[in-house]
C-alpha atoms as a PDB file:
ATOM      1  CA  MET A   1     144.950  94.581  90.677  1.00  0.00           C
ATOM      2  CA  LYS A   2     144.080  90.963  91.216  1.00  0.00           C
ATOM      3  CA  ALA A   3     145.581  89.168  94.242  1.00  0.00           C
ATOM      4  CA  GLY A   4     147.026  86.596  91.840  1.00  0.00           C
ATOM      5  CA  LYS A   5     149.566  89.101  90.616  1.00  0.00           C
ATOM      6  CA  LEU A   6     150.871  89.641  94.131  1.00  0.00           C
ATOM      7  CA  VAL A   7     150.852  85.931  94.791  1.00  0.00           C
ATOM      8  CA  GLU A   8     153.006  85.385  91.744  1.00  0.00           C
ATOM      9  CA  LEU A   9     155.297  88.215  92.794  1.00  0.00           C
ATOM     10  CA  PHE A  10     155.847  86.887  96.323  1.00  0.00           C
ATOM     11  CA  ALA A  11     156.532  83.382  94.930  1.00  0.00           C
ATOM     12  CA  LYS A  12     159.715  84.794  93.389  1.00  0.00           C
ATOM     13  CA  LEU A  13     162.985  84.238  95.188  1.00  0.00           C
ATOM     14  CA  PRO A  14     164.213  87.293  97.105  1.00  0.00           C
ATOM     15  CA  ALA A  15     167.021  87.771  94.574  1.00  0.00           C
ATOM     16  CA  GLU A  16     164.446  87.894  91.753  1.00  0.00           C
ATOM     17  CA  PHE A  17     161.895  90.002  93.528  1.00  0.00           C
ATOM     18  CA  THR A  18     163.037  93.505  92.626  1.00  0.00           C
ATOM     19  CA  ALA A  19     163.116  92.894  88.873  1.00  0.00           C
ATOM     20  CA  ALA A  20     159.725  91.119  88.980  1.00  0.00           C
ATOM     21  CA  ARG A  21     158.225  93.959  91.054  1.00  0.00           C
ATOM     22  CA  ASN A  22     159.443  96.617  88.687  1.00  0.00           C
ATOM     23  CA  ALA A  23     158.124  94.621  85.713  1.00  0.00           C
ATOM     24  CA  LEU A  24     154.697  94.352  87.343  1.00  0.00           C
ATOM     25  CA  ALA A  25     154.652  98.075  88.129  1.00  0.00           C
ATOM     26  CA  LYS A  26     155.515  98.858  84.532  1.00  0.00           C
ATOM     27  CA  GLU A  27     152.710  96.559  83.338  1.00  0.00           C
ATOM     28  CA  LEU A  28     150.224  98.313  85.610  1.00  0.00           C
ATOM     29  CA  ARG A  29     151.417 101.762  84.574  1.00  0.00           C
ATOM     30  CA  GLU A  30     151.155 100.914  80.882  1.00  0.00           C
ATOM     31  CA  GLY A  31     147.636  99.674  81.613  1.00  0.00           C
ATOM     32  CA  GLY A  32     146.760 103.081  83.026  1.00  0.00           C
ATOM     33  CA  ASP A  33     146.751 102.023  86.675  1.00  0.00           C
ATOM     34  CA  GLU A  34     149.252 104.515  88.039  1.00  0.00           C
ATOM     35  CA  GLU A  35     148.008 104.261  91.658  1.00  0.00           C
ATOM     36  CA  ARG A  36     148.536 100.533  91.906  1.00  0.00           C
ATOM     37  CA  ALA A  37     151.836 100.754  90.056  1.00  0.00           C
ATOM     38  CA  LYS A  38     153.084 103.120  92.784  1.00  0.00           C
ATOM     39  CA  ARG A  39     151.696 100.735  95.422  1.00  0.00           C
ATOM     40  CA  VAL A  40     153.674  97.815  93.940  1.00  0.00           C
ATOM     41  CA  LEU A  41     156.879  99.841  93.788  1.00  0.00           C
ATOM     42  CA  GLU A  42     156.572 100.469  97.533  1.00  0.00           C
ATOM     43  CA  LEU A  43     156.879  96.693  98.209  1.00  0.00           C
ATOM     44  CA  ARG A  44     160.215  95.767  99.729  1.00  0.00           C
ATOM     45  CA  ARG A  45     162.279  92.756  98.831  1.00  0.00           C
ATOM     46  CA  PRO A  46     161.145  89.941 101.187  1.00  0.00           C
ATOM     47  CA  THR A  47     163.365  88.675 103.983  1.00  0.00           C
ATOM     48  CA  ALA A  48     164.160  84.941 104.027  1.00  0.00           C
ATOM     49  CA  ALA A  49     161.589  84.420 106.776  1.00  0.00           C
ATOM     50  CA  GLN A  50     158.827  86.370 104.979  1.00  0.00           C
ATOM     51  CA  TRP A  51     159.577  84.532 101.761  1.00  0.00           C
ATOM     52  CA  ALA A  52     159.426  81.116 103.506  1.00  0.00           C
ATOM     53  CA  ALA A  53     156.104  81.947 105.193  1.00  0.00           C
ATOM     54  CA  ASN A  54     154.599  82.918 101.823  1.00  0.00           C
ATOM     55  CA  GLN A  55     155.669  79.612 100.258  1.00  0.00           C
ATOM     56  CA  LEU A  56     153.634  77.605 102.723  1.00  0.00           C
ATOM     57  CA  ALA A  57     150.329  78.641 101.089  1.00  0.00           C
ATOM     58  CA  ARG A  58     151.480  76.665  98.018  1.00  0.00           C
ATOM     59  CA  ARG A  59     153.365  73.860  99.696  1.00  0.00           C
ATOM     60  CA  ASN A  60     151.207  73.183 102.803  1.00  0.00           C
ATOM     61  CA  GLU A  61     147.830  74.705 102.114  1.00  0.00           C
ATOM     62  CA  ASP A  62     145.979  72.339 104.460  1.00  0.00           C
ATOM     63  CA  ASP A  63     148.322  72.997 107.396  1.00  0.00           C
ATOM     64  CA  VAL A  64     148.013  76.789 106.889  1.00  0.00           C
ATOM     65  CA  ALA A  65     144.223  76.480 106.895  1.00  0.00           C
ATOM     66  CA  ALA A  66     144.388  74.265 110.037  1.00  0.00           C
ATOM     67  CA  LEU A  67     146.590  76.809 111.834  1.00  0.00           C
ATOM     68  CA  VAL A  68     144.205  79.646 111.005  1.00  0.00           C
ATOM     69  CA  GLU A  69     141.112  77.632 111.953  1.00  0.00           C
ATOM     70  CA  THR A  70     142.455  76.311 115.290  1.00  0.00           C
ATOM     71  CA  THR A  71     143.788  79.763 116.216  1.00  0.00           C
ATOM     72  CA  ASP A  72     140.398  81.320 115.540  1.00  0.00           C
ATOM     73  CA  ARG A  73     138.680  78.583 117.542  1.00  0.00           C
ATOM     74  CA  MET A  74     140.991  79.253 120.503  1.00  0.00           C
ATOM     75  CA  ARG A  75     140.331  82.990 120.295  1.00  0.00           C
ATOM     76  CA  LYS A  76     136.594  82.351 120.536  1.00  0.00           C
ATOM     77  CA  MET A  77     137.102  80.062 123.505  1.00  0.00           C
ATOM     78  CA  GLN A  78     139.168  82.667 125.237  1.00  0.00           C
ATOM     79  CA  ALA A  79     136.487  85.330 124.525  1.00  0.00           C
ATOM     80  CA  ARG A  80     133.770  83.084 125.993  1.00  0.00           C
ATOM     81  CA  GLY A  81     135.902  82.312 129.100  1.00  0.00           C
ATOM     82  CA  THR A  82     135.923  78.598 128.360  1.00  0.00           C
ATOM     83  CA  GLY A  83     139.652  78.384 127.814  1.00  0.00           C
ATOM     84  CA  ALA A  84     140.561  76.014 130.690  1.00  0.00           C
ATOM     85  CA  GLY A  85     138.897  72.794 129.502  1.00  0.00           C
ATOM     86  CA  ASP A  86     139.738  69.777 127.429  1.00  0.00           C
ATOM     87  CA  GLU A  87     138.325  71.472 124.325  1.00  0.00           C
ATOM     88  CA  LEU A  88     140.912  74.237 124.482  1.00  0.00           C
ATOM     89  CA  ARG A  89     143.735  71.780 125.189  1.00  0.00           C
ATOM     90  CA  ALA A  90     142.693  69.764 122.134  1.00  0.00           C
ATOM     91  CA  ALA A  91     142.633  72.890 119.968  1.00  0.00           C
ATOM     92  CA  MET A  92     146.075  73.938 121.255  1.00  0.00           C
ATOM     93  CA  GLY A  93     147.437  70.488 120.409  1.00  0.00           C
ATOM     94  CA  GLU A  94     146.054  70.754 116.881  1.00  0.00           C
ATOM     95  CA  GLN A  95     147.461  74.234 116.568  1.00  0.00           C
ATOM     96  CA  ARG A  96     150.919  73.199 117.756  1.00  0.00           C
ATOM     97  CA  GLY A  97     150.956  70.267 115.380  1.00  0.00           C
ATOM     98  CA  ALA A  98     150.081  72.521 112.376  1.00  0.00           C
ATOM     99  CA  LEU A  99     152.670  75.090 113.420  1.00  0.00           C
ATOM    100  CA  ALA A 100     155.345  72.426 113.857  1.00  0.00           C
ATOM    101  CA  ARG A 101     154.615  70.968 110.350  1.00  0.00           C
ATOM    102  CA  LEU A 102     154.679  74.426 108.843  1.00  0.00           C
ATOM    103  CA  GLU A 103     157.982  75.279 110.458  1.00  0.00           C
ATOM    104  CA  THR A 104     159.528  72.053 109.096  1.00  0.00           C
ATOM    105  CA  ALA A 105     158.167  72.857 105.610  1.00  0.00           C
ATOM    106  CA  ALA A 106     159.516  76.416 105.825  1.00  0.00           C
ATOM    107  CA  GLU A 107     162.953  75.091 106.755  1.00  0.00           C
ATOM    108  CA  GLY A 108     162.852  72.726 103.761  1.00  0.00           C
ATOM    109  CA  ALA A 109     161.845  75.595 101.435  1.00  0.00           C
ATOM    110  CA  LEU A 110     164.692  77.729 102.704  1.00  0.00           C
ATOM    111  CA  ARG A 111     167.232  74.959 102.210  1.00  0.00           C
ATOM    112  CA  GLU A 112     166.037  74.223  98.654  1.00  0.00           C
ATOM    113  CA  ALA A 113     166.311  77.885  97.806  1.00  0.00           C
ATOM    114  CA  GLY A 114     169.797  78.209  99.316  1.00  0.00           C
ATOM    115  CA  LEU A 115     168.588  80.745 101.852  1.00  0.00           C
ATOM    116  CA  SER A 116     169.538  81.110 105.501  1.00  0.00           C
ATOM    117  CA  VAL A 117     168.053  78.549 107.907  1.00  0.00           C
ATOM    118  CA  SER A 118     169.572  80.061 111.061  1.00  0.00           C
ATOM    119  CA  PRO A 119     167.659  79.892 114.359  1.00  0.00           C
ATOM    120  CA  ALA A 120     166.917  83.580 114.002  1.00  0.00           C
ATOM    121  CA  VAL A 121     165.309  83.118 110.601  1.00  0.00           C
ATOM    122  CA  LEU A 122     163.231  80.088 111.842  1.00  0.00           C
ATOM    123  CA  ARG A 123     162.082  82.074 114.875  1.00  0.00           C
ATOM    124  CA  SER A 124     160.976  84.863 112.557  1.00  0.00           C
ATOM    125  CA  VAL A 125     159.031  82.379 110.488  1.00  0.00           C
ATOM    126  CA  GLN A 126     157.289  81.102 113.604  1.00  0.00           C
ATOM    127  CA  ARG A 127     156.435  84.579 114.835  1.00  0.00           C
ATOM    128  CA  THR A 128     155.086  85.576 111.439  1.00  0.00           C
ATOM    129  CA  LEU A 129     152.891  82.501 111.234  1.00  0.00           C
ATOM    130  CA  GLN A 130     151.579  83.033 114.761  1.00  0.00           C
ATOM    131  CA  ALA A 131     150.786  86.724 114.218  1.00  0.00           C
ATOM    132  CA  ALA A 132     149.257  86.291 110.771  1.00  0.00           C
ATOM    133  CA  ALA A 133     147.096  83.356 111.871  1.00  0.00           C
ATOM    134  CA  ALA A 134     145.715  85.431 114.751  1.00  0.00           C
ATOM    135  CA  GLY A 135     145.539  88.710 112.808  1.00  0.00           C
ATOM    136  CA  ASP A 136     142.614  90.441 111.145  1.00  0.00           C
ATOM    137  CA  LYS A 137     140.745  89.049 108.137  1.00  0.00           C
ATOM    138  CA  ASP A 138     143.068  90.672 105.588  1.00  0.00           C
ATOM    139  CA  LEU A 139     146.217  89.357 107.311  1.00  0.00           C
ATOM    140  CA  ARG A 140     144.853  85.805 107.574  1.00  0.00           C
ATOM    141  CA  GLN A 141     143.851  85.928 103.923  1.00  0.00           C
ATOM    142  CA  ALA A 142     147.311  87.163 102.912  1.00  0.00           C
ATOM    143  CA  LEU A 143     148.839  84.242 104.813  1.00  0.00           C
ATOM    144  CA  GLN A 144     146.534  81.707 103.162  1.00  0.00           C
ATOM    145  CA  GLU A 145     147.243  83.196  99.693  1.00  0.00           C
ATOM    146  CA  GLY A 146     150.986  83.501 100.219  1.00  0.00           C
ATOM    147  CA  ARG A 147     151.280  87.307  99.798  1.00  0.00           C
ATOM    148  CA  LEU A 148     152.421  88.596 103.201  1.00  0.00           C
ATOM    149  CA  GLU A 149     154.153  91.901 102.603  1.00  0.00           C
ATOM    150  CA  SER A 150     156.374  91.831 105.676  1.00  0.00           C
ATOM    151  CA  GLU A 151     157.374  89.776 108.720  1.00  0.00           C
ATOM    152  CA  GLN A 152     154.867  89.916 111.596  1.00  0.00           C
ATOM    153  CA  GLU A 153     155.254  90.088 115.359  1.00  0.00           C
ATOM    154  CA  PRO A 154     152.817  88.421 117.753  1.00  0.00           C
ATOM    155  CA  SER A 155     151.180  90.662 120.316  1.00  0.00           C
ATOM    156  CA  GLY A 156     148.187  90.263 122.624  1.00  0.00           C
ATOM    157  CA  PHE A 157     146.277  87.112 121.850  1.00  0.00           C
ATOM    158  CA  GLU A 158     148.886  86.003 119.309  1.00  0.00           C
ATOM    159  CA  ALA A 159     151.422  85.665 122.156  1.00  0.00           C
ATOM    160  CA  LEU A 160     149.212  82.940 123.666  1.00  0.00           C
ATOM    161  CA  LEU A 161     149.940  80.562 120.821  1.00  0.00           C
ATOM    162  CA  GLY A 162     151.638  77.588 122.311  1.00  0.00           C
ATOM    163  CA  ALA A 163     151.023  78.843 125.880  1.00  0.00           C
ATOM    164  CA  SER A 164     149.489  76.676 128.643  1.00  0.00           C
ATOM    165  CA  PRO A 165     145.647  76.826 128.797  1.00  0.00           C
ATOM    166  CA  ARG A 166     144.311  79.655 130.876  1.00  0.00           C
ATOM    167  CA  GLY A 167     143.812  78.597 134.497  1.00  0.00           C
ATOM    168  CA  ALA A 168     145.963  75.468 134.201  1.00  0.00           C
ATOM    169  CA  ALA A 169     149.162  75.388 136.164  1.00  0.00           C
ATOM    170  CA  PRO A 170     152.172  74.352 134.105  1.00  0.00           C
ATOM    171  CA  SER A 171     153.600  70.933 134.896  1.00  0.00           C
ATOM    172  CA  PRO A 172     157.220  70.477 135.983  1.00  0.00           C
ATOM    173  CA  ARG A 173     157.984  69.234 132.442  1.00  0.00           C
ATOM    174  CA  THR A 174     156.476  72.339 130.962  1.00  0.00           C
ATOM    175  CA  ARG A 175     158.522  74.531 133.283  1.00  0.00           C
ATOM    176  CA  ALA A 176     161.680  72.638 132.357  1.00  0.00           C
ATOM    177  CA  LYS A 177     161.033  73.386 128.691  1.00  0.00           C
ATOM    178  CA  GLU A 178     160.609  77.119 129.138  1.00  0.00           C
ATOM    179  CA  PRO A 179     162.956  78.899 126.724  1.00  0.00           C
ATOM    180  CA  ALA A 180     166.273  79.951 128.167  1.00  0.00           C
ATOM    181  CA  ALA A 181     167.881  83.327 127.586  1.00  0.00           C
ATOM    182  CA  PRO A 182     169.494  83.599 124.164  1.00  0.00           C
ATOM    183  CA  SER A 183     173.053  82.240 124.121  1.00  0.00           C
ATOM    184  CA  LYS A 184     176.015  84.250 122.858  1.00  0.00           C
ATOM    185  CA  ALA A 185     175.976  82.092 119.676  1.00  0.00           C
ATOM    186  CA  GLN A 186     172.334  82.937 119.115  1.00  0.00           C
ATOM    187  CA  GLU A 187     172.970  86.599 119.659  1.00  0.00           C
ATOM    188  CA  ARG A 188     175.826  86.508 117.161  1.00  0.00           C
ATOM    189  CA  LYS A 189     173.608  84.742 114.619  1.00  0.00           C
ATOM    190  CA  GLU A 190     170.803  87.294 115.154  1.00  0.00           C
ATOM    191  CA  ALA A 191     173.307  90.104 114.778  1.00  0.00           C
ATOM    192  CA  ALA A 192     174.664  88.513 111.551  1.00  0.00           C
ATOM    193  CA  GLU A 193     171.071  88.215 110.237  1.00  0.00           C
ATOM    194  CA  ALA A 194     170.275  91.817 111.070  1.00  0.00           C
ATOM    195  CA  LYS A 195     173.523  92.823 109.302  1.00  0.00           C
ATOM    196  CA  ARG A 196     172.545  90.747 106.223  1.00  0.00           C
ATOM    197  CA  ARG A 197     169.110  92.389 106.097  1.00  0.00           C
ATOM    198  CA  ALA A 198     170.662  95.813 106.319  1.00  0.00           C
ATOM    199  CA  LYS A 199     173.080  94.929 103.548  1.00  0.00           C
ATOM    200  CA  GLU A 200     170.167  93.670 101.334  1.00  0.00           C
ATOM    201  CA  ALA A 201     168.265  96.908 101.992  1.00  0.00           C
ATOM    202  CA  ALA A 202     171.322  98.930 101.082  1.00  0.00           C
ATOM    203  CA  GLN A 203     171.834  96.891  97.928  1.00  0.00           C
ATOM    204  CA  GLU A 204     168.231  97.437  96.918  1.00  0.00           C
ATOM    205  CA  ALA A 205     168.496 101.157  97.565  1.00  0.00           C
ATOM    206  CA  ALA A 206     171.698 101.304  95.531  1.00  0.00           C
ATOM    207  CA  GLN A 207     170.047  99.351  92.670  1.00  0.00           C
ATOM    208  CA  LYS A 208     167.088 101.788  92.695  1.00  0.00           C
ATOM    209  CA  ALA A 209     169.497 104.749  92.638  1.00  0.00           C
ATOM    210  CA  ARG A 210     171.306 103.183  89.640  1.00  0.00           C
ATOM    211  CA  GLU A 211     167.974 102.641  87.850  1.00  0.00           C
ATOM    212  CA  ILE A 212     166.967 106.269  88.467  1.00  0.00           C
ATOM    213  CA  LYS A 213     170.346 107.507  87.228  1.00  0.00           C
ATOM    214  CA  ALA A 214     170.088 105.340  84.136  1.00  0.00           C
ATOM    215  CA  ALA A 215     166.600 106.639  83.399  1.00  0.00           C
ATOM    216  CA  GLU A 216     167.725 110.228  83.859  1.00  0.00           C
ATOM    217  CA  THR A 217     170.634 109.656  81.456  1.00  0.00           C
ATOM    218  CA  LEU A 218     168.306 108.112  78.871  1.00  0.00           C
ATOM    219  CA  VAL A 219     165.868 111.044  79.145  1.00  0.00           C
ATOM    220  CA  ARG A 220     168.699 113.537  78.717  1.00  0.00           C
ATOM    221  CA  LYS A 221     170.116 111.724  75.654  1.00  0.00           C
ATOM    222  CA  LEU A 222     166.677 111.480  74.046  1.00  0.00           C
ATOM    223  CA  GLU A 223     166.026 115.178  74.715  1.00  0.00           C
ATOM    224  CA  GLU A 224     169.407 116.002  73.130  1.00  0.00           C
ATOM    225  CA  LYS A 225     168.512 113.902  70.116  1.00  0.00           C
ATOM    226  CA  ALA A 226     165.120 115.562  69.815  1.00  0.00           C
ATOM    227  CA  ALA A 227     166.729 119.047  70.007  1.00  0.00           C
ATOM    228  CA  ALA A 228     169.283 118.034  67.323  1.00  0.00           C
ATOM    229  CA  ALA A 229     166.475 116.719  65.150  1.00  0.00           C
ATOM    230  CA  ASP A 230     164.555 119.998  65.593  1.00  0.00           C
ATOM    231  CA  ARG A 231     167.652 122.008  64.532  1.00  0.00           C
ATOM    232  CA  ALA A 232     168.214 119.769  61.491  1.00  0.00           C
ATOM    233  CA  ALA A 233     164.523 120.115  60.519  1.00  0.00           C
ATOM    234  CA  ASN A 234     164.697 123.920  60.791  1.00  0.00           C
ATOM    235  CA  GLU A 235     167.882 124.056  58.677  1.00  0.00           C
ATOM    236  CA  ALA A 236     166.218 121.793  56.041  1.00  0.00           C
ATOM    237  CA  ARG A 237     163.177 124.071  55.907  1.00  0.00           C
ATOM    238  CA  ASP A 238     165.394 127.118  55.473  1.00  0.00           C
ATOM    239  CA  ARG A 239     167.253 125.481  52.583  1.00  0.00           C
ATOM    240  CA  ALA A 240     163.982 124.424  51.020  1.00  0.00           C
ATOM    241  CA  ARG A 241     162.693 128.003  51.130  1.00  0.00           C
ATOM    242  CA  GLU A 242     165.888 129.305  49.555  1.00  0.00           C
ATOM    243  CA  ALA A 243     165.717 126.667  46.803  1.00  0.00           C
ATOM    244  CA  ARG A 244     162.048 127.490  46.122  1.00  0.00           C
ATOM    245  CA  ALA A 245     162.885 131.192  45.899  1.00  0.00           C
ATOM    246  CA  LYS A 246     165.671 130.502  43.393  1.00  0.00           C
ATOM    247  CA  LEU A 247     163.344 128.281  41.408  1.00  0.00           C
ATOM    248  CA  HIS A 248     160.790 131.115  41.164  1.00  0.00           C
ATOM    249  CA  GLU A 249     163.512 133.533  40.118  1.00  0.00           C
ATOM    250  CA  LEU A 250     164.728 131.246  37.343  1.00  0.00           C
ATOM    251  CA  ARG A 251     161.215 130.710  36.024  1.00  0.00           C
ATOM    252  CA  ALA A 252     160.622 134.456  36.058  1.00  0.00           C
ATOM    253  CA  ARG A 253     163.699 134.980  33.831  1.00  0.00           C
ATOM    254  CA  SER A 254     162.708 132.386  31.231  1.00  0.00           C
END
């Protein structure tokens, strides 16, 4: 299956995703590619954050490329142990700039689509961009092509994105800007977002159950029609034999 098919699929709005996914799976199955059809059917409806991150490959291709490139450059500096100099600080500045532009673009895409732009969603977008930009080759490529299959969480090196250069003490201004503990309002918003995601997952599961039930009903009806047709055909053959026998009898008498 070409990556373009998945790119087109993940360009769909979350509300349109399931129908488009099922149509693609059907197309693959009819083309004899049962394995990839099953793979496509395993894809879950994207969250708002995942969807927004995938739109950036189309809306802000240069900024996505810049984020990946500067993140890779920083990783190499860290590996060489040269991460305390001006070169690293410059790379971090470029990286932060690209990330800020992408976050703004993601927020715009969410608003245009009528999707949630809560702080929780925007944080998920940021974490996904950070993790994907610092991930392996396949993950970086998925980010740049707009076909991420799930939200991502930074870990290890990814967590250094936006951090102070290694070996440099943070300034008082930097310390003042350290994130505070989540407020009650933020916690409520995150809880509401988690509830929304759970509801979407339940709705998708219910839709799949309805589709399976409808397919089973159709199969049963068709099997019943086929059985009825077989009975009718058998009866017709019996009547034809009887008519043929009578015809032979009449001819024998003449």
